[in-house]
Amino acid sequence: MEGDKGDAAECEMAETYGFEHSEEDERDEDDVDIENQYYGSKELVASDASEALSGFREVVRLGGDKSDWGFKALKQIVKLQLKLRNYGSVLSSYREMLRYIKSADPRNLQKVILKIFEHVSTSGEIALLQVQCCGARGEWGYI
């Protein structure tokens, strides 16, 4: 079959030139897949927010435990949920994003958190402010 010939040719070329496929190459390919998923989702933000949310959630899933791409995807999820006024989901995603503190770049983390706080505090959305300040049940206290 034609596909088998291509695979055989690749193997022969790799042997001839001393190329070896390693686990690191596989990780690099996984990173490329995650990066492509992230940027593909980002392109959908303006045209199909719900599809973009699904794509960003897939980035978090693919990225494994506390990856940089997961942090970036959760940042986009929080921003989209704020835009869509899914305030209850914002808190859940924000908390999940904060679990990435140890793996995220501290300068970027600070910038992201400050931008989200700024958006929340200047939004004028009473529902958002109530969820943030009072919790989902309208009780004062810490979130």
C-alpha atoms as a PDB file:
ATOM      1  CA  MET A   1       0.000   0.000   0.000  1.00  0.00           C
ATOM      2  CA  GLU A   2       1.075   3.557  -0.597  1.00  0.00           C
ATOM      3  CA  GLY A   3       0.991   4.541   3.135  1.00  0.00           C
ATOM      4  CA  ASP A   4       3.237   1.589   3.985  1.00  0.00           C
ATOM      5  CA  LYS A   5       5.767   2.670   1.367  1.00  0.00           C
ATOM      6  CA  GLY A   6       5.843   6.169   2.862  1.00  0.00           C
ATOM      7  CA  ASP A   7       6.370   4.804   6.379  1.00  0.00           C
ATOM      8  CA  ALA A   8       9.113   2.481   5.160  1.00  0.00           C
ATOM      9  CA  ALA A   9      10.819   5.330   3.316  1.00  0.00           C
ATOM     10  CA  GLU A  10      10.693   7.484   6.460  1.00  0.00           C
ATOM     11  CA  CYS A  11      12.204   4.687   8.544  1.00  0.00           C
ATOM     12  CA  GLU A  12      14.928   4.078   5.963  1.00  0.00           C
ATOM     13  CA  MET A  13      15.733   7.810   5.819  1.00  0.00           C
ATOM     14  CA  ALA A  14      15.831   7.983   9.608  1.00  0.00           C
ATOM     15  CA  GLU A  15      18.250   5.041   9.736  1.00  0.00           C
ATOM     16  CA  THR A  16      20.406   6.503   6.964  1.00  0.00           C
ATOM     17  CA  TYR A  17      20.718   9.908   8.586  1.00  0.00           C
ATOM     18  CA  GLY A  18      20.686   8.764  12.196  1.00  0.00           C
ATOM     19  CA  PHE A  19      17.321  10.272  13.160  1.00  0.00           C
ATOM     20  CA  GLU A  20      15.509   8.644  16.012  1.00  0.00           C
ATOM     21  CA  HIS A  21      11.999   9.251  17.237  1.00  0.00           C
ATOM     22  CA  SER A  22      12.074   9.910  20.968  1.00  0.00           C
ATOM     23  CA  GLU A  23       9.599  10.492  23.772  1.00  0.00           C
ATOM     24  CA  GLU A  24      10.647  14.148  23.725  1.00  0.00           C
ATOM     25  CA  ASP A  25       9.518  14.359  20.093  1.00  0.00           C
ATOM     26  CA  GLU A  26       6.154  12.918  21.112  1.00  0.00           C
ATOM     27  CA  ARG A  27       5.844  15.539  23.889  1.00  0.00           C
ATOM     28  CA  ASP A  28       6.717  18.261  21.389  1.00  0.00           C
ATOM     29  CA  GLU A  29       3.994  16.950  19.063  1.00  0.00           C
ATOM     30  CA  ASP A  30       1.529  16.961  21.967  1.00  0.00           C
ATOM     31  CA  ASP A  31       2.494  20.568  22.761  1.00  0.00           C
ATOM     32  CA  VAL A  32       1.915  21.526  19.128  1.00  0.00           C
ATOM     33  CA  ASP A  33      -1.517  19.854  19.207  1.00  0.00           C
ATOM     34  CA  ILE A  34      -2.420  21.719  22.401  1.00  0.00           C
ATOM     35  CA  GLU A  35      -1.123  25.007  21.007  1.00  0.00           C
ATOM     36  CA  ASN A  36      -3.129  24.491  17.797  1.00  0.00           C
ATOM     37  CA  GLN A  37      -6.247  23.726  19.839  1.00  0.00           C
ATOM     38  CA  TYR A  38      -5.698  26.897  21.902  1.00  0.00           C
ATOM     39  CA  TYR A  39      -5.250  29.199  18.907  1.00  0.00           C
ATOM     40  CA  GLY A  40      -8.081  27.521  17.008  1.00  0.00           C
ATOM     41  CA  SER A  41     -10.360  28.163  19.980  1.00  0.00           C
ATOM     42  CA  LYS A  42      -9.157  31.734  20.258  1.00  0.00           C
ATOM     43  CA  GLU A  43     -10.158  32.317  16.631  1.00  0.00           C
ATOM     44  CA  LEU A  44     -13.700  31.177  17.485  1.00  0.00           C
ATOM     45  CA  VAL A  45     -14.182  33.660  20.330  1.00  0.00           C
ATOM     46  CA  ALA A  46     -15.827  36.346  18.164  1.00  0.00           C
ATOM     47  CA  SER A  47     -17.917  34.044  15.980  1.00  0.00           C
ATOM     48  CA  ASP A  48     -18.947  31.121  18.245  1.00  0.00           C
ATOM     49  CA  ALA A  49     -18.326  31.672  21.952  1.00  0.00           C
ATOM     50  CA  SER A  50     -19.797  28.340  23.078  1.00  0.00           C
ATOM     51  CA  GLU A  51     -17.586  26.422  20.630  1.00  0.00           C
ATOM     52  CA  ALA A  52     -14.603  28.470  21.804  1.00  0.00           C
ATOM     53  CA  LEU A  53     -15.401  27.545  25.427  1.00  0.00           C
ATOM     54  CA  SER A  54     -15.495  23.862  24.474  1.00  0.00           C
ATOM     55  CA  GLY A  55     -12.170  24.234  22.682  1.00  0.00           C
ATOM     56  CA  PHE A  56     -10.523  25.925  25.642  1.00  0.00           C
ATOM     57  CA  ARG A  57     -11.837  23.214  27.971  1.00  0.00           C
ATOM     58  CA  GLU A  58     -10.240  20.670  25.650  1.00  0.00           C
ATOM     59  CA  VAL A  59      -6.924  22.538  25.969  1.00  0.00           C
ATOM     60  CA  VAL A  60      -7.165  22.223  29.766  1.00  0.00           C
ATOM     61  CA  ARG A  61      -7.913  18.502  29.424  1.00  0.00           C
ATOM     62  CA  LEU A  62      -5.105  17.887  26.917  1.00  0.00           C
ATOM     63  CA  GLY A  63      -2.596  19.980  28.839  1.00  0.00           C
ATOM     64  CA  GLY A  64      -2.694  17.688  31.810  1.00  0.00           C
ATOM     65  CA  ASP A  65      -1.973  18.816  35.286  1.00  0.00           C
ATOM     66  CA  LYS A  66      -1.111  22.500  35.576  1.00  0.00           C
ATOM     67  CA  SER A  67       0.322  23.213  32.125  1.00  0.00           C
ATOM     68  CA  ASP A  68       0.994  26.728  30.869  1.00  0.00           C
ATOM     69  CA  TRP A  69      -1.522  26.135  28.078  1.00  0.00           C
ATOM     70  CA  GLY A  70      -4.102  25.114  30.670  1.00  0.00           C
ATOM     71  CA  PHE A  71      -3.579  28.382  32.531  1.00  0.00           C
ATOM     72  CA  LYS A  72      -3.928  30.384  29.309  1.00  0.00           C
ATOM     73  CA  ALA A  73      -7.059  28.450  28.336  1.00  0.00           C
ATOM     74  CA  LEU A  74      -8.639  28.984  31.756  1.00  0.00           C
ATOM     75  CA  LYS A  75      -7.890  32.698  31.478  1.00  0.00           C
ATOM     76  CA  GLN A  76      -9.787  32.729  28.167  1.00  0.00           C
ATOM     77  CA  ILE A  77     -12.615  30.685  29.708  1.00  0.00           C
ATOM     78  CA  VAL A  78     -13.001  33.209  32.541  1.00  0.00           C
ATOM     79  CA  LYS A  79     -12.998  36.118  30.081  1.00  0.00           C
ATOM     80  CA  LEU A  80     -15.605  34.430  27.865  1.00  0.00           C
ATOM     81  CA  GLN A  81     -17.815  33.529  30.795  1.00  0.00           C
ATOM     82  CA  LEU A  82     -17.686  37.145  31.957  1.00  0.00           C
ATOM     83  CA  LYS A  83     -18.595  38.298  28.448  1.00  0.00           C
ATOM     84  CA  LEU A  84     -21.491  35.797  28.315  1.00  0.00           C
ATOM     85  CA  ARG A  85     -22.564  36.744  31.863  1.00  0.00           C
ATOM     86  CA  ASN A  86     -22.208  33.162  33.138  1.00  0.00           C
ATOM     87  CA  TYR A  87     -21.251  34.514  36.541  1.00  0.00           C
ATOM     88  CA  GLY A  88     -21.648  31.286  38.512  1.00  0.00           C
ATOM     89  CA  SER A  89     -19.303  29.529  36.087  1.00  0.00           C
ATOM     90  CA  VAL A  90     -16.813  32.394  36.305  1.00  0.00           C
ATOM     91  CA  LEU A  91     -16.094  31.616  39.950  1.00  0.00           C
ATOM     92  CA  SER A  92     -15.563  27.925  39.287  1.00  0.00           C
ATOM     93  CA  SER A  93     -13.215  28.576  36.355  1.00  0.00           C
ATOM     94  CA  TYR A  94     -11.394  31.322  38.245  1.00  0.00           C
ATOM     95  CA  ARG A  95     -10.764  28.983  41.167  1.00  0.00           C
ATOM     96  CA  GLU A  96      -9.493  26.323  38.773  1.00  0.00           C
ATOM     97  CA  MET A  97      -7.196  28.893  37.147  1.00  0.00           C
ATOM     98  CA  LEU A  98      -5.774  29.811  40.566  1.00  0.00           C
ATOM     99  CA  ARG A  99      -4.665  26.196  41.046  1.00  0.00           C
ATOM    100  CA  TYR A 100      -2.133  26.858  38.291  1.00  0.00           C
ATOM    101  CA  ILE A 101      -0.305  29.463  40.394  1.00  0.00           C
ATOM    102  CA  LYS A 102       2.812  27.344  40.898  1.00  0.00           C
ATOM    103  CA  SER A 103       3.235  26.597  37.190  1.00  0.00           C
ATOM    104  CA  ALA A 104       2.311  30.010  35.763  1.00  0.00           C
ATOM    105  CA  ASP A 105       4.748  32.833  35.125  1.00  0.00           C
ATOM    106  CA  PRO A 106       4.379  35.084  38.220  1.00  0.00           C
ATOM    107  CA  ARG A 107       4.357  38.328  36.198  1.00  0.00           C
ATOM    108  CA  ASN A 108       1.727  36.995  33.827  1.00  0.00           C
ATOM    109  CA  LEU A 109      -0.311  35.594  36.707  1.00  0.00           C
ATOM    110  CA  GLN A 110      -0.357  38.944  38.483  1.00  0.00           C
ATOM    111  CA  LYS A 111      -1.344  40.751  35.282  1.00  0.00           C
ATOM    112  CA  VAL A 112      -4.170  38.284  34.587  1.00  0.00           C
ATOM    113  CA  ILE A 113      -5.573  38.435  38.106  1.00  0.00           C
ATOM    114  CA  LEU A 114      -5.475  42.238  38.166  1.00  0.00           C
ATOM    115  CA  LYS A 115      -7.242  42.458  34.787  1.00  0.00           C
ATOM    116  CA  ILE A 116      -9.992  40.124  35.957  1.00  0.00           C
ATOM    117  CA  PHE A 117     -10.433  42.075  39.208  1.00  0.00           C
ATOM    118  CA  GLU A 118     -10.524  45.321  37.248  1.00  0.00           C
ATOM    119  CA  HIS A 119     -13.168  43.967  34.913  1.00  0.00           C
ATOM    120  CA  VAL A 120     -15.300  42.701  37.782  1.00  0.00           C
ATOM    121  CA  SER A 121     -15.018  45.873  39.844  1.00  0.00           C
ATOM    122  CA  THR A 122     -15.734  48.257  36.949  1.00  0.00           C
ATOM    123  CA  SER A 123     -18.395  46.184  35.196  1.00  0.00           C
ATOM    124  CA  GLY A 124     -21.370  47.775  36.953  1.00  0.00           C
ATOM    125  CA  GLU A 125     -23.081  44.391  36.753  1.00  0.00           C
ATOM    126  CA  ILE A 126     -24.931  44.006  40.046  1.00  0.00           C
ATOM    127  CA  ALA A 127     -25.383  40.248  39.539  1.00  0.00           C
ATOM    128  CA  LEU A 128     -21.647  39.770  39.081  1.00  0.00           C
ATOM    129  CA  LEU A 129     -20.805  41.911  42.080  1.00  0.00           C
ATOM    130  CA  GLN A 130     -23.325  40.016  44.221  1.00  0.00           C
ATOM    131  CA  VAL A 131     -21.870  36.653  43.242  1.00  0.00           C
ATOM    132  CA  GLN A 132     -18.349  37.952  43.894  1.00  0.00           C
ATOM    133  CA  CYS A 133     -19.119  39.642  47.215  1.00  0.00           C
ATOM    134  CA  CYS A 134     -21.959  37.619  48.605  1.00  0.00           C
ATOM    135  CA  GLY A 135     -21.621  34.185  47.111  1.00  0.00           C
ATOM    136  CA  ALA A 136     -24.214  32.388  45.071  1.00  0.00           C
ATOM    137  CA  ARG A 137     -26.708  32.271  47.982  1.00  0.00           C
ATOM    138  CA  GLY A 138     -26.490  36.020  48.721  1.00  0.00           C
ATOM    139  CA  GLU A 139     -24.606  35.573  51.982  1.00  0.00           C
ATOM    140  CA  TRP A 140     -21.698  37.781  52.880  1.00  0.00           C
ATOM    141  CA  GLY A 141     -18.402  36.027  53.402  1.00  0.00           C
ATOM    142  CA  TYR A 142     -15.358  34.682  51.681  1.00  0.00           C
ATOM    143  CA  ILE A 143     -15.601  32.845  48.427  1.00  0.00           C
END
